[in-house]
Amino acid sequence: MAETISGALRQLVFERAAGRCEYCLLSQAVTAYKHEPDHIIPKQHDGPLIFDLKELLFSP
């Protein structure tokens, strides 16, 4: 069964990133799309589902 990112973990990642994409630093407040937490080490490469290995990304 595929793991999903919990609401609590999503909120922690969002707060750590101050609501900005961790690549381009664009604030979610000025976009039409919601930023999404992503795996720094992809799940297909056995990336664990933990706070330290998540990043917030803008995804149009």
Protein backbone atom coordinates (compact mmCIF):
# COMPACT_ATOMS: atom_id res chain seq x y z
CA MET A 1 0.00 0.00 0.00
CA ALA A 2 1.36 3.43 -0.95
CA GLU A 3 2.15 5.82 1.88
CA THR A 4 0.68 9.29 1.76
CA ILE A 5 1.87 12.45 3.43
CA SER A 6 -0.33 13.14 6.46
CA GLY A 7 -2.03 16.48 7.00
CA ALA A 8 0.18 17.13 10.03
CA LEU A 9 3.38 16.47 8.05
CA ARG A 10 2.11 18.66 5.18
CA GLN A 11 1.55 21.51 7.66
CA LEU A 12 5.03 21.12 9.19
CA VAL A 13 6.67 21.21 5.75
CA PHE A 14 4.58 24.27 4.78
CA GLU A 15 5.52 26.11 7.98
CA ARG A 16 9.22 25.29 7.63
CA ALA A 17 9.19 26.66 4.06
CA ALA A 18 7.21 29.73 5.18
CA GLY A 19 4.69 28.95 2.43
CA ARG A 20 7.26 29.36 -0.35
CA CYS A 21 8.48 26.98 -3.02
CA GLU A 22 11.86 25.71 -1.86
CA TYR A 23 13.27 26.01 -5.41
CA CYS A 24 12.01 29.34 -6.77
CA LEU A 25 10.86 30.91 -3.45
CA LEU A 26 7.48 31.88 -4.94
CA SER A 27 4.89 32.35 -2.19
CA GLN A 28 1.76 30.23 -2.34
CA ALA A 29 -0.19 33.42 -1.51
CA VAL A 30 0.44 34.83 -5.00
CA THR A 31 -0.30 31.70 -7.04
CA ALA A 32 -3.50 30.14 -8.28
CA TYR A 33 -2.20 26.68 -7.33
CA LYS A 34 -1.51 25.09 -3.99
CA HIS A 35 2.13 24.18 -3.29
CA GLU A 36 2.70 20.48 -2.62
CA PRO A 37 5.16 18.72 -0.32
CA ASP A 38 7.46 16.42 -2.27
CA HIS A 39 10.00 13.71 -1.49
CA ILE A 40 13.64 14.82 -1.67
CA ILE A 41 14.58 11.15 -2.14
CA PRO A 42 11.86 9.66 -4.39
CA LYS A 43 9.66 6.91 -2.95
CA GLN A 44 10.68 4.61 -5.80
CA HIS A 45 14.24 4.86 -4.48
CA ASP A 46 13.10 3.95 -0.96
CA GLY A 47 12.94 7.56 0.26
CA PRO A 48 11.46 7.54 3.76
CA LEU A 49 8.32 9.47 4.65
CA ILE A 50 9.89 11.80 7.24
CA PHE A 51 9.92 15.56 7.82
CA ASP A 52 13.62 16.12 7.10
CA LEU A 53 13.31 14.63 3.62
CA LYS A 54 10.35 16.66 2.40
CA GLU A 55 10.30 19.95 0.52
CA LEU A 56 7.53 22.32 -0.54
CA LEU A 57 7.24 22.80 -4.29
CA PHE A 58 5.17 24.99 -6.61
CA SER A 59 3.30 22.74 -9.00
CA PRO A 60 1.13 24.48 -11.61
